[in-house]
Amino acid sequence: VNTLRHFLITVGVAIFSIFSKSSDRDNATDIIGLLFMCMYICFDSFTSQWQDTIYVKYGRANVDPFQMMLGVNSWAILITTSGLVINGDIPKIIEF
């Protein structure tokens, strides 16, 4: 149900974004955004399955929700920072 909802939101935003812009640069950015949204759907459906596997393997008494949040958010920070470094956007972030 969540995956279907995410997929429908992605399709709706993609249709709106792609057909409401006219410049080529905007379309390239929209395609990258669409790719990120599709990756979000895939990874979001994977996250809950992975967390369930961890809970089964190590037991809920040994792994608390805060450890799960720390793991997920640490990876999110790592991936976001990597993207900023690769694209050279760190100076823009610091300026902001």
N, C-alpha and C. Protein backbone atom coordinates (compact mmCIF):
# COMPACT_ATOMS: atom_id res chain seq x y z
N VAL A 1 0.83 -1.18 0.00
CA VAL A 1 0.00 0.00 0.00
C VAL A 1 0.88 1.26 0.00
N ASN A 2 1.90 1.30 0.89
CA ASN A 2 2.78 2.47 0.91
C ASN A 2 3.56 2.60 -0.39
N THR A 3 4.03 1.48 -0.91
CA THR A 3 4.79 1.53 -2.15
C THR A 3 3.92 2.02 -3.30
N LEU A 4 2.69 1.57 -3.36
CA LEU A 4 1.77 2.04 -4.41
C LEU A 4 1.52 3.53 -4.27
N ARG A 5 1.33 3.99 -3.05
CA ARG A 5 1.09 5.43 -2.82
C ARG A 5 2.32 6.23 -3.25
N HIS A 6 3.53 5.76 -2.88
CA HIS A 6 4.75 6.46 -3.27
C HIS A 6 4.90 6.47 -4.78
N PHE A 7 4.58 5.36 -5.41
CA PHE A 7 4.69 5.27 -6.86
C PHE A 7 3.73 6.25 -7.53
N LEU A 8 2.50 6.31 -7.06
CA LEU A 8 1.52 7.22 -7.66
C LEU A 8 1.91 8.68 -7.46
N ILE A 9 2.45 9.01 -6.30
CA ILE A 9 2.92 10.37 -6.06
C ILE A 9 4.07 10.69 -7.02
N THR A 10 4.98 9.75 -7.19
CA THR A 10 6.11 9.95 -8.10
C THR A 10 5.64 10.18 -9.52
N VAL A 11 4.70 9.37 -9.98
CA VAL A 11 4.17 9.52 -11.34
C VAL A 11 3.48 10.88 -11.49
N GLY A 12 2.69 11.26 -10.51
CA GLY A 12 2.00 12.55 -10.57
C GLY A 12 2.96 13.72 -10.61
N VAL A 13 3.96 13.70 -9.76
CA VAL A 13 4.94 14.79 -9.75
C VAL A 13 5.74 14.80 -11.04
N ALA A 14 6.08 13.62 -11.55
CA ALA A 14 6.84 13.54 -12.79
C ALA A 14 6.06 14.12 -13.95
N ILE A 15 4.80 13.76 -14.06
CA ILE A 15 3.97 14.28 -15.15
C ILE A 15 3.84 15.80 -15.04
N PHE A 16 3.57 16.28 -13.84
CA PHE A 16 3.43 17.72 -13.64
C PHE A 16 4.74 18.45 -13.95
N SER A 17 5.85 17.93 -13.46
CA SER A 17 7.14 18.61 -13.62
C SER A 17 7.62 18.60 -15.07
N ILE A 18 7.52 17.48 -15.72
CA ILE A 18 8.05 17.37 -17.07
C ILE A 18 7.25 18.19 -18.06
N PHE A 19 5.94 18.24 -17.91
CA PHE A 19 5.12 18.95 -18.88
C PHE A 19 4.89 20.41 -18.55
N SER A 20 5.34 20.89 -17.39
CA SER A 20 5.12 22.30 -17.06
C SER A 20 6.35 23.16 -17.29
N LYS A 21 7.47 22.58 -17.67
CA LYS A 21 8.72 23.34 -17.90
C LYS A 21 9.05 23.31 -19.38
N SER A 22 9.83 24.32 -19.80
CA SER A 22 10.14 24.37 -21.22
C SER A 22 11.64 24.29 -21.53
N SER A 23 12.52 24.71 -20.61
CA SER A 23 13.94 24.70 -20.95
C SER A 23 14.54 23.31 -20.77
N ASP A 24 15.59 23.04 -21.55
CA ASP A 24 16.24 21.73 -21.50
C ASP A 24 16.92 21.51 -20.15
N ARG A 25 17.48 22.56 -19.56
CA ARG A 25 18.15 22.41 -18.26
C ARG A 25 17.16 21.99 -17.19
N ASP A 26 15.98 22.57 -17.21
CA ASP A 26 14.96 22.19 -16.24
C ASP A 26 14.54 20.74 -16.43
N ASN A 27 14.42 20.29 -17.67
CA ASN A 27 14.03 18.91 -17.93
C ASN A 27 15.10 17.94 -17.43
N ALA A 28 16.38 18.29 -17.59
CA ALA A 28 17.45 17.43 -17.10
C ALA A 28 17.39 17.33 -15.58
N THR A 29 17.13 18.45 -14.92
CA THR A 29 17.00 18.46 -13.47
C THR A 29 15.79 17.65 -13.03
N ASP A 30 14.70 17.76 -13.78
CA ASP A 30 13.50 16.99 -13.45
C ASP A 30 13.74 15.50 -13.57
N ILE A 31 14.49 15.09 -14.56
CA ILE A 31 14.77 13.67 -14.74
C ILE A 31 15.62 13.15 -13.58
N ILE A 32 16.58 13.95 -13.15
CA ILE A 32 17.39 13.55 -11.99
C ILE A 32 16.51 13.46 -10.75
N GLY A 33 15.61 14.42 -10.58
CA GLY A 33 14.68 14.39 -9.45
C GLY A 33 13.78 13.17 -9.50
N LEU A 34 13.31 12.82 -10.69
CA LEU A 34 12.48 11.63 -10.86
C LEU A 34 13.27 10.37 -10.51
N LEU A 35 14.52 10.33 -10.91
CA LEU A 35 15.38 9.20 -10.56
C LEU A 35 15.52 9.07 -9.05
N PHE A 36 15.74 10.21 -8.37
CA PHE A 36 15.85 10.19 -6.91
C PHE A 36 14.56 9.73 -6.25
N MET A 37 13.42 10.15 -6.78
CA MET A 37 12.15 9.72 -6.21
C MET A 37 11.94 8.21 -6.39
N CYS A 38 12.32 7.69 -7.55
CA CYS A 38 12.21 6.24 -7.78
C CYS A 38 13.15 5.47 -6.85
N MET A 39 14.35 6.02 -6.65
CA MET A 39 15.27 5.38 -5.71
C MET A 39 14.69 5.41 -4.30
N TYR A 40 14.03 6.51 -3.94
CA TYR A 40 13.40 6.61 -2.63
C TYR A 40 12.37 5.50 -2.43
N ILE A 41 11.56 5.27 -3.45
CA ILE A 41 10.54 4.22 -3.36
C ILE A 41 11.20 2.86 -3.13
N CYS A 42 12.24 2.57 -3.89
CA CYS A 42 12.92 1.28 -3.75
C CYS A 42 13.55 1.13 -2.38
N PHE A 43 14.28 2.15 -1.95
CA PHE A 43 14.98 2.06 -0.67
C PHE A 43 14.02 2.10 0.51
N ASP A 44 12.91 2.82 0.37
CA ASP A 44 11.94 2.88 1.46
C ASP A 44 11.30 1.52 1.69
N SER A 45 10.99 0.82 0.60
CA SER A 45 10.41 -0.52 0.76
C SER A 45 11.46 -1.51 1.28
N PHE A 46 12.71 -1.28 0.96
CA PHE A 46 13.79 -2.15 1.44
C PHE A 46 14.06 -1.93 2.93
N THR A 47 13.94 -0.69 3.41
CA THR A 47 14.33 -0.36 4.78
C THR A 47 13.54 -1.15 5.81
N SER A 48 12.23 -1.20 5.67
CA SER A 48 11.43 -1.91 6.67
C SER A 48 11.72 -3.41 6.66
N GLN A 49 11.95 -3.97 5.48
CA GLN A 49 12.29 -5.39 5.39
C GLN A 49 13.64 -5.66 6.05
N TRP A 50 14.59 -4.78 5.83
CA TRP A 50 15.92 -4.91 6.42
C TRP A 50 15.84 -4.79 7.94
N GLN A 51 15.06 -3.84 8.43
CA GLN A 51 14.92 -3.67 9.88
C GLN A 51 14.26 -4.90 10.51
N ASP A 52 13.27 -5.46 9.87
CA ASP A 52 12.65 -6.68 10.38
C ASP A 52 13.66 -7.82 10.46
N THR A 53 14.50 -7.93 9.44
CA THR A 53 15.53 -8.98 9.43
C THR A 53 16.51 -8.78 10.59
N ILE A 54 16.90 -7.55 10.84
CA ILE A 54 17.81 -7.26 11.95
C ILE A 54 17.15 -7.61 13.28
N TYR A 55 15.89 -7.24 13.44
CA TYR A 55 15.18 -7.56 14.68
C TYR A 55 15.07 -9.07 14.89
N VAL A 56 14.81 -9.82 13.82
CA VAL A 56 14.69 -11.28 13.94
C VAL A 56 16.06 -11.89 14.26
N LYS A 57 17.09 -11.41 13.60
CA LYS A 57 18.43 -12.00 13.78
C LYS A 57 19.01 -11.70 15.16
N TYR A 58 18.86 -10.46 15.64
CA TYR A 58 19.50 -10.06 16.90
C TYR A 58 18.53 -9.92 18.07
N GLY A 59 17.25 -9.93 17.79
CA GLY A 59 16.24 -9.81 18.84
C GLY A 59 15.97 -8.36 19.20
N ARG A 60 14.72 -8.07 19.48
CA ARG A 60 14.33 -6.70 19.82
C ARG A 60 14.95 -6.23 21.13
N ALA A 61 15.30 -7.16 22.01
CA ALA A 61 15.91 -6.77 23.28
C ALA A 61 17.33 -6.24 23.07
N ASN A 62 18.00 -6.66 22.00
CA ASN A 62 19.39 -6.26 21.75
C ASN A 62 19.52 -5.06 20.82
N VAL A 63 18.48 -4.76 20.07
CA VAL A 63 18.51 -3.64 19.12
C VAL A 63 17.30 -2.76 19.40
N ASP A 64 17.56 -1.52 19.79
CA ASP A 64 16.42 -0.64 20.06
C ASP A 64 16.16 0.29 18.87
N PRO A 65 15.01 0.93 18.84
CA PRO A 65 14.67 1.80 17.71
C PRO A 65 15.66 2.95 17.49
N PHE A 66 16.28 3.43 18.56
CA PHE A 66 17.23 4.52 18.40
C PHE A 66 18.48 4.07 17.65
N GLN A 67 18.91 2.82 17.85
CA GLN A 67 20.04 2.29 17.09
C GLN A 67 19.67 2.18 15.61
N MET A 68 18.44 1.77 15.33
CA MET A 68 17.98 1.69 13.95
C MET A 68 17.96 3.07 13.31
N MET A 69 17.43 4.06 14.03
CA MET A 69 17.38 5.42 13.50
C MET A 69 18.79 5.96 13.26
N LEU A 70 19.71 5.68 14.19
CA LEU A 70 21.09 6.13 14.03
C LEU A 70 21.71 5.52 12.78
N GLY A 71 21.49 4.24 12.56
CA GLY A 71 22.04 3.58 11.38
C GLY A 71 21.48 4.15 10.09
N VAL A 72 20.18 4.30 10.01
CA VAL A 72 19.54 4.82 8.79
C VAL A 72 19.96 6.26 8.54
N ASN A 73 19.94 7.08 9.58
CA ASN A 73 20.29 8.50 9.40
C ASN A 73 21.78 8.69 9.11
N SER A 74 22.63 7.84 9.67
CA SER A 74 24.06 7.93 9.37
C SER A 74 24.32 7.65 7.89
N TRP A 75 23.65 6.64 7.35
CA TRP A 75 23.80 6.36 5.92
C TRP A 75 23.24 7.50 5.07
N ALA A 76 22.12 8.08 5.50
CA ALA A 76 21.53 9.20 4.76
C ALA A 76 22.49 10.39 4.73
N ILE A 77 23.13 10.67 5.86
CA ILE A 77 24.09 11.77 5.91
C ILE A 77 25.28 11.47 5.01
N LEU A 78 25.78 10.25 5.04
CA LEU A 78 26.91 9.86 4.22
C LEU A 78 26.59 10.00 2.72
N ILE A 79 25.44 9.52 2.32
CA ILE A 79 25.06 9.58 0.91
C ILE A 79 24.83 11.02 0.47
N THR A 80 24.16 11.82 1.30
CA THR A 80 23.90 13.22 0.96
C THR A 80 25.21 14.00 0.86
N THR A 81 26.08 13.81 1.82
CA THR A 81 27.36 14.51 1.81
C THR A 81 28.19 14.10 0.60
N SER A 82 28.17 12.83 0.26
CA SER A 82 28.90 12.36 -0.92
C SER A 82 28.38 13.04 -2.18
N GLY A 83 27.08 13.13 -2.30
CA GLY A 83 26.49 13.80 -3.46
C GLY A 83 26.87 15.27 -3.53
N LEU A 84 26.89 15.94 -2.39
CA LEU A 84 27.29 17.35 -2.37
C LEU A 84 28.76 17.52 -2.76
N VAL A 85 29.61 16.62 -2.29
CA VAL A 85 31.04 16.71 -2.62
C VAL A 85 31.26 16.42 -4.10
N ILE A 86 30.61 15.39 -4.62
CA ILE A 86 30.79 15.01 -6.03
C ILE A 86 30.33 16.13 -6.96
N ASN A 87 29.22 16.78 -6.62
CA ASN A 87 28.69 17.86 -7.46
C ASN A 87 29.34 19.21 -7.19
N GLY A 88 30.19 19.28 -6.18
CA GLY A 88 30.86 20.53 -5.86
C GLY A 88 29.94 21.56 -5.22
N ASP A 89 28.93 21.12 -4.52
CA ASP A 89 27.95 22.03 -3.94
C ASP A 89 28.24 22.42 -2.49
N ILE A 90 29.32 21.94 -1.92
CA ILE A 90 29.64 22.27 -0.53
C ILE A 90 29.79 23.79 -0.33
N PRO A 91 30.49 24.51 -1.22
CA PRO A 91 30.58 25.96 -1.04
C PRO A 91 29.21 26.65 -1.03
N LYS A 92 28.27 26.17 -1.84
CA LYS A 92 26.93 26.74 -1.86
C LYS A 92 26.23 26.52 -0.52
N ILE A 93 26.43 25.35 0.07
CA ILE A 93 25.83 25.03 1.36
C ILE A 93 26.41 25.93 2.44
N ILE A 94 27.73 26.09 2.42
CA ILE A 94 28.39 26.93 3.42
C ILE A 94 27.94 28.37 3.26
N GLU A 95 27.82 28.83 2.02
CA GLU A 95 27.36 30.21 1.76
C GLU A 95 25.94 30.43 2.27
N PHE A 96 25.11 29.42 2.12
CA PHE A 96 23.71 29.52 2.58
C PHE A 96 23.66 29.69 4.08
